[in-house]
N, C-alpha and C. Protein backbone atom coordinates (compact mmCIF):
# COMPACT_ATOMS: atom_id res chain seq x y z
N MET A 1 12.69 -52.86 -14.57
CA MET A 1 14.68 -52.80 -14.65
C MET A 1 15.25 -53.36 -14.93
N ARG A 2 16.36 -53.75 -15.94
CA ARG A 2 17.06 -55.18 -16.70
C ARG A 2 18.35 -55.11 -15.44
N PRO A 3 19.04 -55.69 -15.20
CA PRO A 3 20.31 -55.59 -14.63
C PRO A 3 21.06 -55.09 -15.47
N GLY A 4 21.94 -53.98 -14.91
CA GLY A 4 23.04 -53.63 -15.69
C GLY A 4 22.75 -51.96 -16.01
N TYR A 5 21.47 -51.67 -15.80
CA TYR A 5 20.48 -50.50 -16.58
C TYR A 5 20.21 -49.67 -15.23
N GLY A 6 21.11 -48.23 -15.43
CA GLY A 6 20.44 -47.44 -14.39
C GLY A 6 18.94 -46.52 -14.52
N GLY A 7 18.81 -46.23 -13.84
CA GLY A 7 17.26 -45.25 -14.06
C GLY A 7 17.46 -44.73 -15.92
N CYS A 8 18.16 -43.31 -15.37
CA CYS A 8 18.58 -42.30 -16.77
C CYS A 8 19.54 -42.54 -17.56
N THR A 9 19.97 -43.50 -18.18
CA THR A 9 21.66 -43.31 -18.24
C THR A 9 21.83 -43.00 -19.94
N ALA A 10 22.26 -42.07 -20.19
CA ALA A 10 22.71 -41.93 -21.90
C ALA A 10 23.14 -43.09 -22.56
N ARG A 11 22.58 -43.60 -23.29
CA ARG A 11 22.81 -44.75 -24.12
C ARG A 11 24.34 -44.27 -25.77
N PRO A 12 24.97 -44.80 -25.66
CA PRO A 12 26.14 -44.14 -26.73
C PRO A 12 25.47 -44.28 -27.82
N ALA A 13 25.66 -43.34 -28.96
CA ALA A 13 24.82 -43.19 -30.44
C ALA A 13 26.19 -44.08 -30.86
N GLY A 14 25.91 -45.60 -31.35
CA GLY A 14 27.24 -46.62 -31.98
C GLY A 14 26.71 -45.84 -33.39
N LEU A 15 27.65 -46.77 -34.31
CA LEU A 15 27.79 -46.52 -35.73
C LEU A 15 26.78 -46.67 -35.92
N GLY A 16 25.43 -47.53 -36.17
CA GLY A 16 24.50 -48.19 -36.78
C GLY A 16 23.30 -47.64 -36.31
N ARG A 17 23.14 -46.05 -35.99
CA ARG A 17 22.58 -45.51 -34.86
C ARG A 17 22.50 -43.85 -35.29
N LEU A 18 21.68 -43.42 -36.20
CA LEU A 18 22.04 -41.80 -36.83
C LEU A 18 21.49 -41.17 -35.91
N LEU A 19 21.89 -39.81 -35.50
CA LEU A 19 20.93 -38.92 -35.23
C LEU A 19 19.78 -38.43 -36.21
N ALA A 20 18.86 -37.59 -35.01
CA ALA A 20 17.70 -37.36 -36.00
C ALA A 20 18.22 -36.27 -36.95
N VAL A 21 18.07 -35.89 -38.33
CA VAL A 21 17.80 -35.17 -38.94
C VAL A 21 16.84 -34.12 -39.00
N GLU A 22 17.36 -32.77 -38.31
CA GLU A 22 16.24 -31.19 -38.77
C GLU A 22 15.87 -31.10 -39.90
N LEU A 23 14.96 -30.48 -39.94
CA LEU A 23 14.38 -29.85 -41.05
C LEU A 23 15.12 -29.17 -41.96
N GLU A 24 15.07 -28.78 -41.64
CA GLU A 24 16.62 -27.56 -42.46
C GLU A 24 17.34 -28.17 -43.27
N GLU A 25 17.84 -29.30 -42.25
CA GLU A 25 19.09 -29.82 -42.18
C GLU A 25 18.52 -30.86 -43.60
N GLN A 26 17.30 -31.33 -43.38
CA GLN A 26 16.37 -31.95 -45.09
C GLN A 26 16.79 -30.99 -46.10
N TYR A 27 15.84 -30.17 -45.94
CA TYR A 27 16.31 -28.93 -47.14
C TYR A 27 17.86 -28.72 -47.74
N ALA A 28 18.38 -29.00 -47.21
CA ALA A 28 19.73 -28.22 -47.50
C ALA A 28 19.90 -29.50 -48.08
N ILE A 29 19.65 -31.25 -47.54
CA ILE A 29 20.15 -31.50 -47.99
C ILE A 29 19.40 -31.77 -49.82
N ALA A 30 18.00 -31.47 -49.67
CA ALA A 30 17.47 -31.55 -50.85
C ALA A 30 17.72 -30.25 -51.88
N LEU A 31 18.22 -29.30 -51.24
CA LEU A 31 19.05 -28.80 -51.99
C LEU A 31 20.14 -28.91 -53.10
N GLY A 32 20.94 -29.78 -52.09
CA GLY A 32 22.16 -30.20 -52.62
C GLY A 32 21.67 -31.13 -54.34
N VAL A 33 21.38 -31.90 -53.98
CA VAL A 33 20.34 -33.19 -55.07
C VAL A 33 20.31 -32.43 -55.82
N LEU A 34 19.13 -31.64 -55.81
CA LEU A 34 18.39 -30.59 -56.82
C LEU A 34 19.28 -30.10 -58.21
N SER A 35 20.89 -29.28 -57.18
CA SER A 35 21.54 -28.56 -58.00
C SER A 35 21.84 -30.38 -58.44
N VAL A 36 22.96 -31.03 -57.93
CA VAL A 36 23.27 -32.32 -58.33
C VAL A 36 22.55 -32.43 -60.27
N VAL A 37 21.26 -32.55 -59.71
CA VAL A 37 20.11 -33.39 -60.94
C VAL A 37 20.14 -32.29 -62.26
N LEU A 38 20.31 -30.83 -61.68
CA LEU A 38 20.42 -29.56 -62.32
C LEU A 38 21.36 -29.76 -63.05
N LEU A 39 22.79 -29.46 -62.68
CA LEU A 39 23.98 -29.89 -63.20
C LEU A 39 24.26 -30.96 -64.71
N ILE A 40 23.38 -32.39 -63.46
CA ILE A 40 23.42 -33.75 -64.85
C ILE A 40 22.65 -33.09 -66.05
N ALA A 41 21.36 -32.44 -66.13
CA ALA A 41 20.53 -32.17 -66.76
C ALA A 41 21.22 -31.33 -67.79
N GLY A 42 21.55 -29.98 -67.51
CA GLY A 42 22.40 -29.33 -67.98
C GLY A 42 23.52 -29.81 -68.78
N THR A 43 24.26 -30.30 -68.26
CA THR A 43 25.61 -31.20 -68.99
C THR A 43 25.12 -32.17 -70.53
N VAL A 44 23.45 -33.33 -69.58
CA VAL A 44 23.25 -33.74 -71.25
C VAL A 44 22.25 -32.67 -72.04
N LEU A 45 21.63 -31.82 -71.80
CA LEU A 45 21.02 -30.58 -72.78
C LEU A 45 22.49 -29.97 -73.45
N ALA A 46 23.58 -29.37 -73.07
CA ALA A 46 24.57 -29.11 -73.39
C ALA A 46 25.29 -30.15 -74.46
N ARG A 47 25.23 -31.03 -74.05
CA ARG A 47 25.92 -32.20 -74.83
C ARG A 47 24.97 -32.39 -76.33
N ALA A 48 23.18 -32.68 -75.76
CA ALA A 48 22.68 -33.19 -76.46
C ALA A 48 22.83 -31.63 -78.08
N LEU A 49 23.23 -30.22 -77.53
CA LEU A 49 22.90 -29.09 -78.57
C LEU A 49 23.95 -28.74 -78.80
N ALA A 50 25.35 -30.15 -78.57
CA ALA A 50 26.31 -28.95 -79.01
C ALA A 50 26.68 -29.26 -80.72
N SER A 51 26.12 -29.81 -81.69
CA SER A 51 25.71 -28.72 -82.81
C SER A 51 25.01 -28.61 -83.45
N ALA A 52 24.15 -28.40 -82.71
CA ALA A 52 23.02 -27.47 -82.81
C ALA A 52 23.36 -26.07 -83.68
N PRO A 53 22.45 -25.58 -84.42
CA PRO A 53 22.59 -24.36 -85.15
C PRO A 53 22.41 -23.29 -84.18
N GLY A 54 22.90 -22.04 -84.04
CA GLY A 54 23.21 -21.46 -83.54
C GLY A 54 21.50 -20.58 -82.16
N ARG A 55 20.93 -20.30 -83.32
CA ARG A 55 19.36 -19.80 -83.21
C ARG A 55 18.35 -20.64 -82.43
N VAL A 56 19.01 -22.26 -82.60
CA VAL A 56 18.33 -23.11 -81.18
C VAL A 56 19.05 -23.27 -80.10
N THR A 57 20.51 -22.98 -80.08
CA THR A 57 21.09 -22.67 -78.58
C THR A 57 20.64 -21.09 -78.03
N ARG A 58 20.81 -20.38 -79.17
CA ARG A 58 20.15 -19.01 -78.28
C ARG A 58 18.57 -19.17 -77.67
N THR A 59 17.98 -20.49 -78.35
CA THR A 59 16.66 -19.68 -77.93
C THR A 59 16.31 -20.53 -76.48
N VAL A 60 16.72 -21.93 -76.67
CA VAL A 60 16.81 -23.57 -75.73
C VAL A 60 17.61 -22.62 -74.78
N PHE A 61 19.16 -22.30 -74.42
CA PHE A 61 19.55 -21.83 -73.51
C PHE A 61 18.95 -20.95 -72.30
N PRO A 62 18.50 -20.01 -72.65
CA PRO A 62 17.66 -19.29 -71.85
C PRO A 62 16.24 -19.84 -70.86
N ILE A 63 15.87 -20.26 -71.87
CA ILE A 63 14.73 -20.83 -71.65
C ILE A 63 14.97 -22.00 -70.27
N ALA A 64 16.44 -22.98 -70.59
CA ALA A 64 16.42 -23.79 -69.75
C ALA A 64 16.82 -22.97 -67.72
N ALA A 65 17.86 -22.13 -68.56
CA ALA A 65 17.89 -21.22 -67.04
C ALA A 65 17.17 -20.43 -66.62
N ALA A 66 16.00 -20.43 -67.27
CA ALA A 66 14.91 -19.62 -66.87
C ALA A 66 13.89 -20.53 -65.87
N LEU A 67 14.05 -22.12 -66.37
CA LEU A 67 13.68 -23.13 -65.48
C LEU A 67 14.44 -23.55 -64.63
N THR A 68 15.65 -23.11 -64.81
CA THR A 68 16.26 -23.39 -63.07
C THR A 68 15.78 -22.56 -62.21
N LEU A 69 16.13 -21.24 -62.50
CA LEU A 69 15.92 -20.08 -61.82
C LEU A 69 14.57 -20.68 -60.96
N ALA A 70 13.81 -20.82 -61.74
CA ALA A 70 12.12 -21.37 -61.39
C ALA A 70 12.26 -22.44 -60.55
N ALA A 71 13.27 -22.95 -60.88
CA ALA A 71 12.60 -24.57 -59.84
C ALA A 71 13.40 -23.93 -58.65
N PHE A 72 15.04 -23.14 -58.25
CA PHE A 72 15.59 -23.01 -57.35
C PHE A 72 14.66 -22.12 -56.32
N GLY A 73 13.66 -21.34 -57.63
CA GLY A 73 12.82 -20.33 -56.50
C GLY A 73 11.48 -20.99 -55.81
N ILE A 74 10.98 -21.49 -56.66
CA ILE A 74 9.76 -22.68 -56.34
C ILE A 74 10.21 -23.12 -54.96
N PHE A 75 11.72 -24.20 -54.85
CA PHE A 75 12.13 -24.98 -53.89
C PHE A 75 12.40 -23.79 -52.35
N VAL A 76 12.96 -22.47 -52.76
CA VAL A 76 13.62 -21.55 -51.88
C VAL A 76 11.26 -21.85 -50.72
N VAL A 77 10.80 -21.48 -51.57
CA VAL A 77 9.51 -20.48 -51.10
C VAL A 77 8.59 -22.31 -50.67
N ILE A 78 8.86 -23.53 -50.88
CA ILE A 78 8.17 -24.25 -50.04
C ILE A 78 9.08 -24.31 -48.85
N ALA A 79 10.63 -23.92 -48.44
CA ALA A 79 11.39 -24.53 -47.73
C ALA A 79 11.06 -23.68 -46.46
N ARG A 80 10.79 -22.31 -47.21
CA ARG A 80 10.52 -21.00 -46.11
C ARG A 80 8.94 -20.79 -45.49
N VAL A 81 8.12 -21.94 -46.27
CA VAL A 81 7.03 -21.84 -45.48
C VAL A 81 6.65 -22.70 -44.69
N HIS A 82 7.89 -24.40 -44.59
CA HIS A 82 7.40 -25.30 -43.91
C HIS A 82 8.62 -25.49 -42.76
N VAL A 83 9.93 -24.17 -42.70
CA VAL A 83 10.64 -24.33 -41.91
C VAL A 83 10.30 -23.08 -40.82
N LYS A 84 10.20 -22.83 -39.81
CA LYS A 84 9.40 -21.99 -39.35
C LYS A 84 11.12 -21.56 -38.46
N GLY A 85 11.29 -20.06 -38.33
CA GLY A 85 12.26 -19.50 -37.88
C GLY A 85 13.43 -18.70 -38.29
């Protein structure tokens, strides 16, 4: 044993040391990242289709909405399978 260190003393958590992130929190963070990525992709898509004819817009946006819903749905299913509780 080194001098100055008792048997079971708690080490103070400094700024350089982060606590372990729980699995649920990791999925919550990943869901936030997915949301931001989809927001950016939607913005880029909207700017690209800003001058497109109406029929193109009426076709593309429902498909994009369905893909967004599917992405969130798949993410939730994966999270529910891996996170018990």
